[in-house]
Every structure is written in C-alpha cells, then in structure tokens.
N, C-alpha and C. Protein backbone atom coordinates (compact mmCIF):
# COMPACT_ATOMS: atom_id res chain seq x y z
N MET A 1 -5.70 -21.88 -8.94
CA MET A 1 -5.08 -20.94 -8.05
C MET A 1 -5.95 -19.69 -7.96
N ASN A 2 -6.13 -19.21 -6.77
CA ASN A 2 -6.93 -18.01 -6.53
C ASN A 2 -6.01 -16.86 -6.17
N THR A 3 -6.10 -15.74 -6.90
CA THR A 3 -5.27 -14.59 -6.59
C THR A 3 -6.08 -13.56 -5.84
N ARG A 4 -5.40 -12.71 -5.12
CA ARG A 4 -6.04 -11.63 -4.37
C ARG A 4 -5.36 -10.33 -4.77
N PRO A 5 -5.85 -9.72 -5.82
CA PRO A 5 -5.17 -8.51 -6.31
C PRO A 5 -5.42 -7.30 -5.42
N HIS A 6 -4.60 -6.27 -5.62
CA HIS A 6 -4.83 -4.98 -4.98
C HIS A 6 -6.15 -4.43 -5.53
N VAL A 7 -6.86 -3.67 -4.69
CA VAL A 7 -8.15 -3.10 -5.08
C VAL A 7 -8.22 -1.65 -4.62
N VAL A 8 -8.76 -0.79 -5.49
CA VAL A 8 -9.05 0.59 -5.10
C VAL A 8 -10.54 0.66 -4.89
N GLY A 9 -10.95 0.77 -3.63
CA GLY A 9 -12.37 0.81 -3.29
C GLY A 9 -12.85 2.24 -3.09
N PRO A 10 -14.07 2.41 -2.63
CA PRO A 10 -14.62 3.76 -2.47
C PRO A 10 -13.96 4.57 -1.36
N ASP A 11 -13.40 3.90 -0.34
CA ASP A 11 -12.80 4.60 0.80
C ASP A 11 -11.33 4.28 1.04
N ALA A 12 -10.85 3.20 0.42
CA ALA A 12 -9.49 2.76 0.73
C ALA A 12 -8.86 2.02 -0.44
N VAL A 13 -7.53 2.04 -0.43
CA VAL A 13 -6.75 1.19 -1.32
C VAL A 13 -6.43 -0.05 -0.49
N VAL A 14 -6.76 -1.21 -1.01
CA VAL A 14 -6.50 -2.47 -0.30
C VAL A 14 -5.36 -3.17 -1.03
N LEU A 15 -4.23 -3.27 -0.34
CA LEU A 15 -3.04 -3.91 -0.91
C LEU A 15 -2.92 -5.30 -0.32
N ARG A 16 -2.60 -6.28 -1.16
CA ARG A 16 -2.57 -7.67 -0.68
C ARG A 16 -1.32 -8.38 -1.18
N PHE A 17 -0.88 -9.33 -0.36
CA PHE A 17 0.14 -10.27 -0.79
C PHE A 17 -0.41 -11.66 -0.52
N ALA A 18 -0.76 -12.35 -1.59
CA ALA A 18 -1.36 -13.70 -1.50
C ALA A 18 -2.50 -13.69 -0.48
N HIS A 19 -2.56 -14.72 0.35
CA HIS A 19 -3.59 -14.79 1.38
C HIS A 19 -3.04 -14.43 2.75
N SER A 20 -1.79 -14.00 2.81
CA SER A 20 -1.16 -13.81 4.11
C SER A 20 -1.18 -12.39 4.65
N HIS A 21 -1.17 -11.37 3.79
CA HIS A 21 -1.09 -10.00 4.25
C HIS A 21 -2.07 -9.10 3.50
N GLU A 22 -2.61 -8.12 4.24
CA GLU A 22 -3.50 -7.13 3.64
C GLU A 22 -3.27 -5.81 4.35
N VAL A 23 -3.18 -4.73 3.58
CA VAL A 23 -2.99 -3.40 4.13
C VAL A 23 -4.06 -2.49 3.55
N ARG A 24 -4.79 -1.78 4.41
CA ARG A 24 -5.85 -0.86 3.97
C ARG A 24 -5.38 0.57 4.19
N VAL A 25 -5.32 1.32 3.08
CA VAL A 25 -4.84 2.70 3.09
C VAL A 25 -6.01 3.63 2.79
N PRO A 26 -6.37 4.54 3.71
CA PRO A 26 -7.52 5.41 3.47
C PRO A 26 -7.26 6.40 2.33
N LEU A 27 -8.17 6.44 1.37
CA LEU A 27 -8.03 7.36 0.24
C LEU A 27 -7.95 8.81 0.68
N ALA A 28 -8.71 9.18 1.70
CA ALA A 28 -8.76 10.57 2.15
C ALA A 28 -7.42 11.08 2.66
N ALA A 29 -6.52 10.19 3.03
CA ALA A 29 -5.22 10.60 3.59
C ALA A 29 -4.11 10.64 2.54
N ILE A 30 -4.39 10.22 1.32
CA ILE A 30 -3.35 10.14 0.29
C ILE A 30 -3.01 11.53 -0.24
N THR A 31 -1.69 11.85 -0.23
CA THR A 31 -1.22 13.14 -0.76
C THR A 31 -0.45 12.97 -2.06
N GLY A 32 -0.09 11.74 -2.41
CA GLY A 32 0.64 11.51 -3.65
C GLY A 32 0.85 10.04 -3.90
N VAL A 33 1.07 9.71 -5.16
CA VAL A 33 1.35 8.33 -5.54
C VAL A 33 2.35 8.37 -6.70
N ALA A 34 3.34 7.47 -6.65
CA ALA A 34 4.36 7.49 -7.70
C ALA A 34 5.00 6.12 -7.85
N ALA A 35 5.58 5.91 -9.01
CA ALA A 35 6.36 4.70 -9.26
C ALA A 35 7.78 4.97 -8.76
N VAL A 36 8.19 4.21 -7.76
CA VAL A 36 9.53 4.33 -7.17
C VAL A 36 10.00 2.92 -6.83
N ALA A 37 11.07 2.47 -7.50
CA ALA A 37 11.56 1.11 -7.29
C ALA A 37 12.52 1.04 -6.12
N ARG A 38 12.39 -0.05 -5.36
CA ARG A 38 13.29 -0.33 -4.24
C ARG A 38 13.35 -1.83 -4.06
N ALA A 39 14.52 -2.39 -3.78
CA ALA A 39 14.65 -3.85 -3.73
C ALA A 39 15.55 -4.32 -2.59
N ASP A 40 15.34 -3.79 -1.40
CA ASP A 40 16.20 -4.18 -0.29
C ASP A 40 15.44 -4.63 0.96
N TYR A 41 14.20 -5.03 0.80
CA TYR A 41 13.41 -5.46 1.95
C TYR A 41 13.75 -6.89 2.34
N LYS A 42 13.79 -7.15 3.64
CA LYS A 42 14.10 -8.49 4.15
C LYS A 42 12.85 -9.31 4.42
N LYS A 43 11.70 -8.63 4.59
CA LYS A 43 10.44 -9.30 4.90
C LYS A 43 9.35 -8.83 3.94
N THR A 44 8.33 -9.65 3.78
CA THR A 44 7.19 -9.27 2.92
C THR A 44 6.49 -8.04 3.47
N LEU A 45 6.26 -8.02 4.78
CA LEU A 45 5.64 -6.87 5.44
C LEU A 45 6.67 -6.30 6.39
N GLN A 46 7.12 -5.09 6.09
CA GLN A 46 8.21 -4.50 6.86
C GLN A 46 7.84 -3.07 7.25
N VAL A 47 7.96 -2.76 8.54
CA VAL A 47 7.71 -1.41 9.03
C VAL A 47 9.06 -0.75 9.28
N GLU A 48 9.19 0.46 8.79
CA GLU A 48 10.42 1.24 8.99
C GLU A 48 10.00 2.62 9.45
N PRO A 49 10.93 3.49 9.81
CA PRO A 49 10.53 4.81 10.28
C PRO A 49 9.58 5.51 9.30
N LEU A 50 8.40 5.77 9.77
CA LEU A 50 7.34 6.48 9.05
C LEU A 50 6.78 5.75 7.83
N GLY A 51 7.21 4.53 7.56
CA GLY A 51 6.72 3.84 6.39
C GLY A 51 6.47 2.37 6.60
N LEU A 52 5.67 1.82 5.71
CA LEU A 52 5.36 0.40 5.72
C LEU A 52 5.54 -0.12 4.31
N ALA A 53 6.18 -1.27 4.17
CA ALA A 53 6.38 -1.85 2.84
C ALA A 53 5.73 -3.22 2.77
N LEU A 54 4.98 -3.44 1.71
CA LEU A 54 4.42 -4.75 1.39
C LEU A 54 5.12 -5.16 0.10
N SER A 55 6.20 -5.94 0.26
CA SER A 55 7.06 -6.24 -0.88
C SER A 55 6.76 -7.60 -1.49
N CYS A 56 7.25 -7.77 -2.68
CA CYS A 56 7.18 -9.05 -3.39
C CYS A 56 8.61 -9.46 -3.71
N VAL A 57 9.08 -10.53 -3.12
CA VAL A 57 10.45 -11.00 -3.26
C VAL A 57 11.43 -9.86 -2.91
N GLY A 58 11.11 -9.13 -1.85
CA GLY A 58 11.99 -8.08 -1.36
C GLY A 58 11.94 -6.77 -2.11
N ALA A 59 11.03 -6.63 -3.07
CA ALA A 59 11.00 -5.43 -3.90
C ALA A 59 9.63 -4.75 -3.89
N THR A 60 9.66 -3.43 -4.05
CA THR A 60 8.46 -2.63 -4.27
C THR A 60 8.72 -1.73 -5.48
N ASN A 61 7.66 -1.26 -6.11
CA ASN A 61 7.84 -0.34 -7.24
C ASN A 61 6.85 0.82 -7.22
N MET A 62 6.13 0.97 -6.11
CA MET A 62 5.16 2.05 -5.94
C MET A 62 5.26 2.62 -4.54
N VAL A 63 4.95 3.90 -4.41
CA VAL A 63 4.85 4.51 -3.09
C VAL A 63 3.59 5.36 -3.05
N ILE A 64 2.85 5.21 -1.96
CA ILE A 64 1.69 6.07 -1.68
C ILE A 64 2.11 6.97 -0.53
N ARG A 65 2.14 8.27 -0.77
CA ARG A 65 2.47 9.23 0.28
C ARG A 65 1.18 9.64 0.99
N LEU A 66 1.28 9.78 2.31
CA LEU A 66 0.11 10.05 3.15
C LEU A 66 0.35 11.28 4.02
N ARG A 67 -0.74 11.82 4.55
CA ARG A 67 -0.61 12.85 5.58
C ARG A 67 0.15 12.24 6.75
N SER A 68 0.83 13.05 7.49
CA SER A 68 1.67 12.61 8.61
C SER A 68 0.90 11.73 9.60
N ASN A 69 1.52 10.64 9.97
CA ASN A 69 0.98 9.71 10.98
C ASN A 69 -0.43 9.21 10.67
N THR A 70 -0.64 8.81 9.43
CA THR A 70 -1.92 8.25 9.03
C THR A 70 -2.02 6.80 9.50
N PRO A 71 -3.10 6.44 10.19
CA PRO A 71 -3.26 5.04 10.57
C PRO A 71 -3.70 4.20 9.36
N VAL A 72 -2.96 3.13 9.09
CA VAL A 72 -3.35 2.15 8.08
C VAL A 72 -3.63 0.85 8.82
N VAL A 73 -4.58 0.09 8.29
CA VAL A 73 -4.95 -1.18 8.92
C VAL A 73 -4.15 -2.30 8.26
N VAL A 74 -3.48 -3.09 9.10
CA VAL A 74 -2.66 -4.20 8.63
C VAL A 74 -3.25 -5.49 9.17
N MET A 75 -3.47 -6.43 8.25
CA MET A 75 -4.02 -7.73 8.62
C MET A 75 -3.02 -8.80 8.19
N ARG A 76 -2.52 -9.52 9.15
CA ARG A 76 -1.71 -10.70 8.88
C ARG A 76 -2.65 -11.87 9.14
N HIS A 77 -3.09 -12.50 8.11
CA HIS A 77 -4.18 -13.46 8.24
C HIS A 77 -3.87 -14.62 9.17
N ARG A 78 -2.63 -14.97 9.32
CA ARG A 78 -2.30 -16.04 10.26
C ARG A 78 -2.22 -15.52 11.69
N ALA A 79 -2.05 -14.22 11.86
CA ALA A 79 -1.88 -13.64 13.19
C ALA A 79 -3.19 -13.22 13.84
N GLY A 80 -4.28 -13.20 13.07
CA GLY A 80 -5.57 -12.88 13.69
C GLY A 80 -6.02 -11.45 13.48
N ASP A 81 -6.28 -10.74 14.58
CA ASP A 81 -6.89 -9.42 14.54
C ASP A 81 -6.05 -8.39 13.78
N PRO A 82 -6.74 -7.47 13.08
CA PRO A 82 -6.02 -6.40 12.40
C PRO A 82 -5.41 -5.43 13.41
N VAL A 83 -4.33 -4.76 13.00
CA VAL A 83 -3.71 -3.74 13.82
C VAL A 83 -3.58 -2.47 13.00
N GLU A 84 -3.56 -1.32 13.68
CA GLU A 84 -3.36 -0.05 13.02
C GLU A 84 -1.92 0.39 13.24
N ILE A 85 -1.28 0.85 12.18
CA ILE A 85 0.08 1.36 12.26
C ILE A 85 0.06 2.75 11.64
N GLU A 86 0.65 3.74 12.34
CA GLU A 86 0.70 5.10 11.81
C GLU A 86 1.94 5.28 10.95
N VAL A 87 1.73 5.70 9.71
CA VAL A 87 2.83 5.86 8.75
C VAL A 87 2.62 7.10 7.89
N ASP A 88 3.69 7.50 7.21
CA ASP A 88 3.62 8.62 6.27
C ASP A 88 3.66 8.15 4.82
N ARG A 89 3.98 6.87 4.62
CA ARG A 89 4.03 6.33 3.26
C ARG A 89 3.87 4.81 3.31
N VAL A 90 3.36 4.28 2.20
CA VAL A 90 3.22 2.83 2.04
C VAL A 90 3.83 2.48 0.69
N MET A 91 4.77 1.54 0.71
CA MET A 91 5.40 1.06 -0.50
C MET A 91 4.83 -0.32 -0.82
N PHE A 92 4.65 -0.60 -2.11
CA PHE A 92 4.11 -1.90 -2.51
C PHE A 92 4.54 -2.23 -3.93
N ALA A 93 4.30 -3.45 -4.33
CA ALA A 93 4.64 -3.90 -5.69
C ALA A 93 3.37 -4.02 -6.51
N ALA A 94 3.40 -3.46 -7.71
CA ALA A 94 2.27 -3.55 -8.64
C ALA A 94 2.78 -4.11 -9.96
N ASP A 95 1.97 -4.95 -10.59
CA ASP A 95 2.35 -5.50 -11.89
C ASP A 95 2.51 -4.40 -12.94
N ASP A 96 1.64 -3.40 -12.87
CA ASP A 96 1.65 -2.30 -13.84
C ASP A 96 1.58 -0.99 -13.06
N PRO A 97 2.72 -0.39 -12.70
CA PRO A 97 2.72 0.81 -11.87
C PRO A 97 1.90 1.98 -12.44
N ARG A 98 1.96 2.21 -13.74
CA ARG A 98 1.19 3.33 -14.31
C ARG A 98 -0.30 3.14 -14.11
N THR A 99 -0.77 1.93 -14.38
CA THR A 99 -2.20 1.65 -14.20
C THR A 99 -2.58 1.75 -12.73
N ALA A 100 -1.73 1.27 -11.85
CA ALA A 100 -2.01 1.34 -10.41
C ALA A 100 -2.10 2.80 -9.96
N ALA A 101 -1.15 3.62 -10.39
CA ALA A 101 -1.16 5.03 -10.01
C ALA A 101 -2.42 5.72 -10.53
N ARG A 102 -2.76 5.45 -11.77
CA ARG A 102 -3.95 6.07 -12.37
C ARG A 102 -5.22 5.65 -11.64
N ALA A 103 -5.32 4.37 -11.29
CA ALA A 103 -6.51 3.87 -10.58
C ALA A 103 -6.66 4.54 -9.23
N ILE A 104 -5.55 4.75 -8.52
CA ILE A 104 -5.61 5.43 -7.22
C ILE A 104 -5.95 6.90 -7.40
N GLU A 105 -5.24 7.58 -8.30
CA GLU A 105 -5.48 9.01 -8.53
C GLU A 105 -6.92 9.29 -8.95
N ASP A 106 -7.49 8.41 -9.77
CA ASP A 106 -8.87 8.62 -10.24
C ASP A 106 -9.90 8.55 -9.12
N ARG A 107 -9.56 7.92 -8.00
CA ARG A 107 -10.50 7.81 -6.87
C ARG A 107 -10.33 8.91 -5.84
N LEU A 108 -9.31 9.75 -5.99
CA LEU A 108 -9.07 10.77 -5.00
C LEU A 108 -9.97 11.97 -5.22
N PRO A 109 -10.44 12.58 -4.12
CA PRO A 109 -11.36 13.73 -4.26
C PRO A 109 -10.73 14.87 -5.05
N ASP A 110 -9.53 15.26 -4.73
CA ASP A 110 -8.78 16.28 -5.48
C ASP A 110 -7.65 15.55 -6.16
N ARG A 111 -7.80 15.25 -7.44
CA ARG A 111 -6.82 14.44 -8.16
C ARG A 111 -5.43 15.04 -8.02
N ILE A 112 -4.50 14.17 -7.68
CA ILE A 112 -3.11 14.57 -7.48
C ILE A 112 -2.25 13.79 -8.46
N SER A 113 -0.99 14.13 -8.51
CA SER A 113 -0.05 13.33 -9.31
C SER A 113 1.27 13.25 -8.59
N GLY A 114 2.01 12.13 -8.92
CA GLY A 114 3.27 11.75 -8.35
C GLY A 114 4.16 12.85 -7.94
C-alpha cells in the first residue's frame, strides 16, 4: 500500500486524502494553526462559508487560518484539472496534531502560534 501523507514544502502545505484529493495552502497566507476537533462533515472534501475541510471519516482535528479570501488549489484526481477556491481557513485531519502544527509553524516566515 502506498500512502500520500501531508507535506510542508518550501511554499505550501500540501494536504492529501489517499489518491483522490489534494489541497495546496500557501505558507505566505497562513495567520495561525491550531488543533481543533470537529466531526460533522458529510463529504471528504467539503466547502462551507469561508472554509474548506479535507476530512477523514467525517472528522478533522486541525485548522489553518488564512488571510481573508486566500486562494487554495484543490485537486480532485478523478475530476481532472485543479481549481482555486478562496477561503479563510482549511480544516484537515492529522495523525499527530502537535507535530503537524509545529511543522507548519517552523516553515512560516514570522513564526506564529495557535
């Protein structure tokens, strides 16, 4: 089995769910990151007012706060071309929220905290 973990790159946080979904969040737009649990999503990739959630079994445990109306790139691998969606936050599931938050914060130009 091949996994596709989340990655913090030089310019973006790349969030993934298996081989079906990928969300690219620009590091330069991040204003905060925190562990926040939520478990009421109906879809793996769900857009709601000002936010986007990439959930695992309907749940997320992290939130990345962004500058207002930040475009994030969303790729649904079965749907083809990537699309940009403007959001103020991205919620996702991480195996280890503390480590995920630290990895993101360590890549930010002006280190922030939750």
